[in-house]
């Protein structure tokens, strides 16, 4: 069931991205498309992590944040996405 939900979110997200692309071409305003392209992968990542987060909350595990992974992978990825 969760795979179907994720698939639908990706499908409708891509349709919305196509709509923003076409509207940007018509109105010469690509800022909404750039914002969506920067935020949508983050939302997909959160949705993909949600089941494991729910399991960890039920088991009352302590939340951790891997700063090394964030600095090495997250910041350069965000930079590449925003600069495009």
PDB file of N, CA and C in Angstrom:
ATOM      1  N   UNK A   1       0.833  -1.197   0.000  1.00  0.00           N
ATOM      2  CA  UNK A   1       0.000   0.000   0.000  1.00  0.00           C
ATOM      3  C   UNK A   1       0.875   1.256   0.000  1.00  0.00           C
ATOM      4  N   UNK A   2       1.953   1.201   0.821  1.00  0.00           N
ATOM      5  CA  UNK A   2       2.806   2.390   0.910  1.00  0.00           C
ATOM      6  C   UNK A   2       3.482   2.683  -0.428  1.00  0.00           C
ATOM      7  N   UNK A   3       3.831   1.642  -1.180  1.00  0.00           N
ATOM      8  CA  UNK A   3       4.456   1.820  -2.487  1.00  0.00           C
ATOM      9  C   UNK A   3       3.506   2.533  -3.440  1.00  0.00           C
ATOM     10  N   UNK A   4       2.237   2.205  -3.379  1.00  0.00           N
ATOM     11  CA  UNK A   4       1.243   2.866  -4.228  1.00  0.00           C
ATOM     12  C   UNK A   4       1.130   4.334  -3.855  1.00  0.00           C
ATOM     13  N   UNK A   5       1.121   4.642  -2.563  1.00  0.00           N
ATOM     14  CA  UNK A   5       1.026   6.035  -2.112  1.00  0.00           C
ATOM     15  C   UNK A   5       2.235   6.829  -2.593  1.00  0.00           C
ATOM     16  N   UNK A   6       3.424   6.271  -2.433  1.00  0.00           N
ATOM     17  CA  UNK A   6       4.640   6.956  -2.884  1.00  0.00           C
ATOM     18  C   UNK A   6       4.611   7.129  -4.399  1.00  0.00           C
ATOM     19  N   UNK A   7       4.190   6.106  -5.107  1.00  0.00           N
ATOM     20  CA  UNK A   7       4.079   6.202  -6.565  1.00  0.00           C
ATOM     21  C   UNK A   7       3.117   7.286  -7.000  1.00  0.00           C
ATOM     22  N   UNK A   8       1.990   7.401  -6.314  1.00  0.00           N
ATOM     23  CA  UNK A   8       1.022   8.449  -6.651  1.00  0.00           C
ATOM     24  C   UNK A   8       1.575   9.841  -6.356  1.00  0.00           C
ATOM     25  N   UNK A   9       2.285   9.979  -5.244  1.00  0.00           N
ATOM     26  CA  UNK A   9       2.876  11.281  -4.920  1.00  0.00           C
ATOM     27  C   UNK A   9       3.895  11.678  -5.989  1.00  0.00           C
ATOM     28  N   UNK A  10       4.709  10.737  -6.413  1.00  0.00           N
ATOM     29  CA  UNK A  10       5.693  11.024  -7.453  1.00  0.00           C
ATOM     30  C   UNK A  10       4.998  11.341  -8.775  1.00  0.00           C
ATOM     31  N   UNK A  11       3.973  10.581  -9.114  1.00  0.00           N
ATOM     32  CA  UNK A  11       3.242  10.808 -10.364  1.00  0.00           C
ATOM     33  C   UNK A  11       2.619  12.196 -10.398  1.00  0.00           C
ATOM     34  N   UNK A  12       1.881  12.551  -9.335  1.00  0.00           N
ATOM     35  CA  UNK A  12       1.229  13.856  -9.326  1.00  0.00           C
ATOM     36  C   UNK A  12       2.240  14.994  -9.178  1.00  0.00           C
ATOM     37  N   UNK A  13       3.348  14.717  -8.508  1.00  0.00           N
ATOM     38  CA  UNK A  13       4.410  15.717  -8.424  1.00  0.00           C
ATOM     39  C   UNK A  13       5.022  16.005  -9.783  1.00  0.00           C
ATOM     40  N   UNK A  14       5.220  14.969 -10.563  1.00  0.00           N
ATOM     41  CA  UNK A  14       5.782  15.162 -11.906  1.00  0.00           C
ATOM     42  C   UNK A  14       4.781  15.861 -12.831  1.00  0.00           C
ATOM     43  N   UNK A  15       3.497  15.548 -12.666  1.00  0.00           N
ATOM     44  CA  UNK A  15       2.488  16.253 -13.452  1.00  0.00           C
ATOM     45  C   UNK A  15       2.476  17.735 -13.103  1.00  0.00           C
ATOM     46  N   UNK A  16       2.597  18.044 -11.794  1.00  0.00           N
ATOM     47  CA  UNK A  16       2.619  19.432 -11.358  1.00  0.00           C
ATOM     48  C   UNK A  16       3.880  20.132 -11.853  1.00  0.00           C
ATOM     49  N   UNK A  17       5.004  19.422 -11.890  1.00  0.00           N
ATOM     50  CA  UNK A  17       6.234  20.002 -12.416  1.00  0.00           C
ATOM     51  C   UNK A  17       6.078  20.318 -13.902  1.00  0.00           C
ATOM     52  N   UNK A  18       5.442  19.431 -14.647  1.00  0.00           N
ATOM     53  CA  UNK A  18       5.187  19.683 -16.068  1.00  0.00           C
ATOM     54  C   UNK A  18       4.298  20.914 -16.236  1.00  0.00           C
ATOM     55  N   UNK A  19       3.255  21.013 -15.391  1.00  0.00           N
ATOM     56  CA  UNK A  19       2.378  22.182 -15.442  1.00  0.00           C
ATOM     57  C   UNK A  19       3.160  23.465 -15.160  1.00  0.00           C
ATOM     58  N   UNK A  20       4.006  23.448 -14.141  1.00  0.00           N
ATOM     59  CA  UNK A  20       4.808  24.628 -13.816  1.00  0.00           C
ATOM     60  C   UNK A  20       5.763  24.983 -14.949  1.00  0.00           C
ATOM     61  N   UNK A  21       6.305  23.970 -15.600  1.00  0.00           N
ATOM     62  CA  UNK A  21       7.205  24.192 -16.725  1.00  0.00           C
ATOM     63  C   UNK A  21       6.467  24.878 -17.874  1.00  0.00           C
ATOM     64  N   UNK A  22       5.289  24.373 -18.212  1.00  0.00           N
ATOM     65  CA  UNK A  22       4.503  24.973 -19.294  1.00  0.00           C
ATOM     66  C   UNK A  22       4.040  26.385 -18.938  1.00  0.00           C
ATOM     67  N   UNK A  23       3.593  26.586 -17.695  1.00  0.00           N
ATOM     68  CA  UNK A  23       3.163  27.918 -17.266  1.00  0.00           C
ATOM     69  C   UNK A  23       4.341  28.883 -17.263  1.00  0.00           C
ATOM     70  N   UNK A  24       5.506  28.405 -16.873  1.00  0.00           N
ATOM     71  CA  UNK A  24       6.696  29.247 -16.876  1.00  0.00           C
ATOM     72  C   UNK A  24       7.084  29.667 -18.284  1.00  0.00           C
ATOM     73  N   UNK A  25       6.911  28.765 -19.248  1.00  0.00           N
ATOM     74  CA  UNK A  25       7.210  29.108 -20.643  1.00  0.00           C
ATOM     75  C   UNK A  25       6.232  30.163 -21.168  1.00  0.00           C
ATOM     76  N   UNK A  26       4.970  30.027 -20.770  1.00  0.00           N
ATOM     77  CA  UNK A  26       3.953  30.985 -21.233  1.00  0.00           C
ATOM     78  C   UNK A  26       4.131  32.359 -20.601  1.00  0.00           C
ATOM     79  N   UNK A  27       4.417  32.377 -19.301  1.00  0.00           N
ATOM     80  CA  UNK A  27       4.442  33.640 -18.553  1.00  0.00           C
ATOM     81  C   UNK A  27       5.855  34.156 -18.312  1.00  0.00           C
ATOM     82  N   UNK A  28       6.864  33.450 -18.794  1.00  0.00           N
ATOM     83  CA  UNK A  28       8.267  33.829 -18.604  1.00  0.00           C
ATOM     84  C   UNK A  28       8.628  33.994 -17.128  1.00  0.00           C
ATOM     85  N   UNK A  29       8.101  33.125 -16.287  1.00  0.00           N
ATOM     86  CA  UNK A  29       8.386  33.149 -14.855  1.00  0.00           C
ATOM     87  C   UNK A  29       8.728  31.728 -14.409  1.00  0.00           C
ATOM     88  N   UNK A  30      10.019  31.464 -14.259  1.00  0.00           N
ATOM     89  CA  UNK A  30      10.461  30.125 -13.910  1.00  0.00           C
ATOM     90  C   UNK A  30      10.778  29.974 -12.430  1.00  0.00           C
ATOM     91  N   UNK A  31      10.539  30.998 -11.632  1.00  0.00           N
ATOM     92  CA  UNK A  31      10.818  30.930 -10.199  1.00  0.00           C
ATOM     93  C   UNK A  31       9.978  29.844  -9.509  1.00  0.00           C
ATOM     94  N   UNK A  32       8.665  29.726  -9.752  1.00  0.00           N
ATOM     95  CA  UNK A  32       7.902  28.645  -9.112  1.00  0.00           C
ATOM     96  C   UNK A  32       8.441  27.251  -9.481  1.00  0.00           C
ATOM     97  N   UNK A  33       8.856  27.069 -10.719  1.00  0.00           N
ATOM     98  CA  UNK A  33       9.420  25.788 -11.142  1.00  0.00           C
ATOM     99  C   UNK A  33      10.732  25.519 -10.415  1.00  0.00           C
ATOM    100  N   UNK A  34      11.578  26.517 -10.289  1.00  0.00           N
ATOM    101  CA  UNK A  34      12.856  26.339  -9.595  1.00  0.00           C
ATOM    102  C   UNK A  34      12.635  25.991  -8.126  1.00  0.00           C
ATOM    103  N   UNK A  35      11.669  26.635  -7.497  1.00  0.00           N
ATOM    104  CA  UNK A  35      11.359  26.334  -6.099  1.00  0.00           C
ATOM    105  C   UNK A  35      10.854  24.897  -5.961  1.00  0.00           C
ATOM    106  N   UNK A  36       9.980  24.489  -6.866  1.00  0.00           N
ATOM    107  CA  UNK A  36       9.427  23.134  -6.808  1.00  0.00           C
ATOM    108  C   UNK A  36      10.518  22.097  -7.021  1.00  0.00           C
ATOM    109  N   UNK A  37      11.398  22.330  -7.981  1.00  0.00           N
ATOM    110  CA  UNK A  37      12.470  21.385  -8.275  1.00  0.00           C
ATOM    111  C   UNK A  37      13.425  21.271  -7.086  1.00  0.00           C
ATOM    112  N   UNK A  38      13.581  22.338  -6.317  1.00  0.00           N
ATOM    113  CA  UNK A  38      14.453  22.293  -5.145  1.00  0.00           C
ATOM    114  C   UNK A  38      13.786  21.592  -3.961  1.00  0.00           C
ATOM    115  N   UNK A  39      12.472  21.729  -3.814  1.00  0.00           N
ATOM    116  CA  UNK A  39      11.777  21.221  -2.629  1.00  0.00           C
ATOM    117  C   UNK A  39      11.226  19.807  -2.830  1.00  0.00           C
ATOM    118  N   UNK A  40      10.808  19.457  -4.025  1.00  0.00           N
ATOM    119  CA  UNK A  40      10.148  18.173  -4.265  1.00  0.00           C
ATOM    120  C   UNK A  40      11.016  16.962  -3.886  1.00  0.00           C
ATOM    121  N   UNK A  41      12.298  16.918  -4.237  1.00  0.00           N
ATOM    122  CA  UNK A  41      13.105  15.756  -3.812  1.00  0.00           C
ATOM    123  C   UNK A  41      13.207  15.630  -2.284  1.00  0.00           C
ATOM    124  N   UNK A  42      13.212  16.747  -1.587  1.00  0.00           N
ATOM    125  CA  UNK A  42      13.251  16.711  -0.124  1.00  0.00           C
ATOM    126  C   UNK A  42      11.965  16.092   0.411  1.00  0.00           C
ATOM    127  N   UNK A  43      10.841  16.480  -0.158  1.00  0.00           N
ATOM    128  CA  UNK A  43       9.546  15.930   0.260  1.00  0.00           C
ATOM    129  C   UNK A  43       9.499  14.429  -0.022  1.00  0.00           C
ATOM    130  N   UNK A  44       9.984  14.014  -1.177  1.00  0.00           N
ATOM    131  CA  UNK A  44      10.008  12.586  -1.508  1.00  0.00           C
ATOM    132  C   UNK A  44      10.887  11.839  -0.504  1.00  0.00           C
ATOM    133  N   UNK A  45      12.020  12.409  -0.143  1.00  0.00           N
ATOM    134  CA  UNK A  45      12.883  11.783   0.853  1.00  0.00           C
ATOM    135  C   UNK A  45      12.197  11.639   2.197  1.00  0.00           C
ATOM    136  N   UNK A  46      11.444  12.665   2.604  1.00  0.00           N
ATOM    137  CA  UNK A  46      10.701  12.587   3.860  1.00  0.00           C
ATOM    138  C   UNK A  46       9.619  11.518   3.802  1.00  0.00           C
ATOM    139  N   UNK A  47       8.932  11.433   2.679  1.00  0.00           N
ATOM    140  CA  UNK A  47       7.873  10.431   2.531  1.00  0.00           C
ATOM    141  C   UNK A  47       8.461   9.020   2.546  1.00  0.00           C
ATOM    142  N   UNK A  48       9.615   8.838   1.910  1.00  0.00           N
ATOM    143  CA  UNK A  48      10.241   7.517   1.896  1.00  0.00           C
ATOM    144  C   UNK A  48      10.731   7.107   3.280  1.00  0.00           C
ATOM    145  N   UNK A  49      11.104   8.059   4.103  1.00  0.00           N
ATOM    146  CA  UNK A  49      11.616   7.770   5.454  1.00  0.00           C
ATOM    147  C   UNK A  49      10.490   7.625   6.478  1.00  0.00           C
ATOM    148  N   UNK A  50       9.295   8.075   6.162  1.00  0.00           N
ATOM    149  CA  UNK A  50       8.191   8.106   7.112  1.00  0.00           C
ATOM    150  C   UNK A  50       7.868   6.750   7.751  1.00  0.00           C
ATOM    151  N   UNK A  51       7.798   5.638   7.016  1.00  0.00           N
ATOM    152  CA  UNK A  51       7.481   4.362   7.671  1.00  0.00           C
ATOM    153  C   UNK A  51       8.496   3.976   8.753  1.00  0.00           C
ATOM    154  N   UNK A  52       9.785   4.161   8.461  1.00  0.00           N
ATOM    155  CA  UNK A  52      10.803   3.838   9.464  1.00  0.00           C
ATOM    156  C   UNK A  52      10.699   4.770  10.665  1.00  0.00           C
ATOM    157  N   UNK A  53      10.371   6.031  10.435  1.00  0.00           N
ATOM    158  CA  UNK A  53      10.191   6.979  11.528  1.00  0.00           C
ATOM    159  C   UNK A  53       9.027   6.565  12.423  1.00  0.00           C
ATOM    160  N   UNK A  54       7.940   6.122  11.827  1.00  0.00           N
ATOM    161  CA  UNK A  54       6.783   5.672  12.606  1.00  0.00           C
ATOM    162  C   UNK A  54       7.161   4.456  13.460  1.00  0.00           C
ATOM    163  N   UNK A  55       7.917   3.531  12.884  1.00  0.00           N
ATOM    164  CA  UNK A  55       8.365   2.357  13.642  1.00  0.00           C
ATOM    165  C   UNK A  55       9.254   2.784  14.807  1.00  0.00           C
ATOM    166  N   UNK A  56      10.156   3.714  14.566  1.00  0.00           N
ATOM    167  CA  UNK A  56      11.042   4.179  15.638  1.00  0.00           C
ATOM    168  C   UNK A  56      10.272   4.909  16.734  1.00  0.00           C
ATOM    169  N   UNK A  57       9.241   5.639  16.366  1.00  0.00           N
ATOM    170  CA  UNK A  57       8.421   6.325  17.378  1.00  0.00           C
ATOM    171  C   UNK A  57       7.678   5.298  18.225  1.00  0.00           C
ATOM    172  N   UNK A  58       7.128   4.264  17.599  1.00  0.00           N
ATOM    173  CA  UNK A  58       6.417   3.223  18.347  1.00  0.00           C
ATOM    174  C   UNK A  58       7.341   2.472  19.295  1.00  0.00           C
ATOM    175  N   UNK A  59       8.583   2.260  18.880  1.00  0.00           N
ATOM    176  CA  UNK A  59       9.541   1.558  19.731  1.00  0.00           C
ATOM    177  C   UNK A  59      10.220   2.489  20.731  1.00  0.00           C
ATOM    178  N   UNK A  60       9.870   3.781  20.683  1.00  0.00           N
ATOM    179  CA  UNK A  60      10.418   4.800  21.579  1.00  0.00           C
ATOM    180  C   UNK A  60      11.944   4.880  21.500  1.00  0.00           C
ATOM    181  N   UNK A  61      12.472   4.769  20.285  1.00  0.00           N
ATOM    182  CA  UNK A  61      13.908   4.930  20.085  1.00  0.00           C
ATOM    183  C   UNK A  61      14.254   6.418  20.096  1.00  0.00           C
ATOM    184  N   UNK A  62      15.477   6.716  20.525  1.00  0.00           N
ATOM    185  CA  UNK A  62      15.917   8.100  20.538  1.00  0.00           C
ATOM    186  C   UNK A  62      16.281   8.520  19.117  1.00  0.00           C
ATOM    187  N   UNK A  63      15.874   9.730  18.743  1.00  0.00           N
ATOM    188  CA  UNK A  63      16.170  10.232  17.411  1.00  0.00           C
ATOM    189  C   UNK A  63      17.615  10.693  17.363  1.00  0.00           C
ATOM    190  N   UNK A  64      18.272  10.410  16.246  1.00  0.00           N
ATOM    191  CA  UNK A  64      19.645  10.859  16.054  1.00  0.00           C
ATOM    192  C   UNK A  64      19.749  11.569  14.714  1.00  0.00           C
ATOM    193  N   UNK A  65      20.781  12.377  14.585  1.00  0.00           N
ATOM    194  CA  UNK A  65      21.032  13.087  13.336  1.00  0.00           C
ATOM    195  C   UNK A  65      22.495  12.921  13.001  1.00  0.00           C
ATOM    196  N   UNK A  66      22.791  12.398  11.832  1.00  0.00           N
ATOM    197  CA  UNK A  66      24.168  12.162  11.406  1.00  0.00           C
ATOM    198  C   UNK A  66      24.693  13.417  10.713  1.00  0.00           C
ATOM    199  N   UNK A  67      25.416  14.235  11.457  1.00  0.00           N
ATOM    200  CA  UNK A  67      25.929  15.508  10.939  1.00  0.00           C
ATOM    201  C   UNK A  67      26.950  15.298   9.835  1.00  0.00           C
ATOM    202  N   UNK A  68      27.749  14.253   9.931  1.00  0.00           N
ATOM    203  CA  UNK A  68      28.768  14.009   8.909  1.00  0.00           C
ATOM    204  C   UNK A  68      28.114  13.723   7.561  1.00  0.00           C
ATOM    205  N   UNK A  69      27.089  12.873   7.561  1.00  0.00           N
ATOM    206  CA  UNK A  69      26.362  12.567   6.325  1.00  0.00           C
ATOM    207  C   UNK A  69      25.696  13.831   5.764  1.00  0.00           C
ATOM    208  N   UNK A  70      25.130  14.648   6.660  1.00  0.00           N
ATOM    209  CA  UNK A  70      24.465  15.882   6.234  1.00  0.00           C
ATOM    210  C   UNK A  70      25.453  16.820   5.561  1.00  0.00           C
ATOM    211  N   UNK A  71      26.627  16.988   6.161  1.00  0.00           N
ATOM    212  CA  UNK A  71      27.624  17.914   5.610  1.00  0.00           C
ATOM    213  C   UNK A  71      28.210  17.381   4.310  1.00  0.00           C
ATOM    214  N   UNK A  72      28.502  16.086   4.249  1.00  0.00           N
ATOM    215  CA  UNK A  72      29.170  15.516   3.084  1.00  0.00           C
ATOM    216  C   UNK A  72      28.223  15.299   1.910  1.00  0.00           C
ATOM    217  N   UNK A  73      26.979  14.915   2.180  1.00  0.00           N
ATOM    218  CA  UNK A  73      26.043  14.595   1.103  1.00  0.00           C
ATOM    219  C   UNK A  73      24.973  15.667   0.935  1.00  0.00           C
ATOM    220  N   UNK A  74      24.379  16.105   2.031  1.00  0.00           N
ATOM    221  CA  UNK A  74      23.227  16.993   1.963  1.00  0.00           C
ATOM    222  C   UNK A  74      23.522  18.383   1.442  1.00  0.00           C
ATOM    223  N   UNK A  75      24.533  19.024   1.983  1.00  0.00           N
ATOM    224  CA  UNK A  75      24.822  20.407   1.585  1.00  0.00           C
ATOM    225  C   UNK A  75      25.278  20.497   0.123  1.00  0.00           C
ATOM    226  N   UNK A  76      26.203  19.649  -0.348  1.00  0.00           N
ATOM    227  CA  UNK A  76      26.548  19.726  -1.776  1.00  0.00           C
ATOM    228  C   UNK A  76      25.363  19.417  -2.695  1.00  0.00           C
ATOM    229  N   UNK A  77      24.521  18.463  -2.302  1.00  0.00           N
ATOM    230  CA  UNK A  77      23.341  18.149  -3.122  1.00  0.00           C
ATOM    231  C   UNK A  77      22.396  19.336  -3.186  1.00  0.00           C
ATOM    232  N   UNK A  78      22.157  19.980  -2.065  1.00  0.00           N
ATOM    233  CA  UNK A  78      21.303  21.167  -2.047  1.00  0.00           C
ATOM    234  C   UNK A  78      21.897  22.276  -2.894  1.00  0.00           C
ATOM    235  N   UNK A  79      23.202  22.457  -2.830  1.00  0.00           N
ATOM    236  CA  UNK A  79      23.868  23.478  -3.640  1.00  0.00           C
ATOM    237  C   UNK A  79      23.679  23.218  -5.126  1.00  0.00           C
ATOM    238  N   UNK A  80      23.862  21.964  -5.552  1.00  0.00           N
ATOM    239  CA  UNK A  80      23.706  21.607  -6.968  1.00  0.00           C
ATOM    240  C   UNK A  80      22.271  21.847  -7.428  1.00  0.00           C
ATOM    241  N   UNK A  81      21.308  21.470  -6.598  1.00  0.00           N
ATOM    242  CA  UNK A  81      19.906  21.653  -6.970  1.00  0.00           C
ATOM    243  C   UNK A  81      19.545  23.125  -7.066  1.00  0.00           C
ATOM    244  N   UNK A  82      19.969  23.919  -6.095  1.00  0.00           N
ATOM    245  CA  UNK A  82      19.619  25.340  -6.083  1.00  0.00           C
ATOM    246  C   UNK A  82      20.323  26.088  -7.216  1.00  0.00           C
ATOM    247  N   UNK A  83      21.543  25.729  -7.523  1.00  0.00           N
ATOM    248  CA  UNK A  83      22.290  26.438  -8.574  1.00  0.00           C
ATOM    249  C   UNK A  83      21.771  26.135  -9.972  1.00  0.00           C
ATOM    250  N   UNK A  84      21.087  25.022 -10.138  1.00  0.00           N
ATOM    251  CA  UNK A  84      20.585  24.701 -11.476  1.00  0.00           C
ATOM    252  C   UNK A  84      19.381  25.556 -11.778  1.00  0.00           C
TER     253      UNK A  84
END
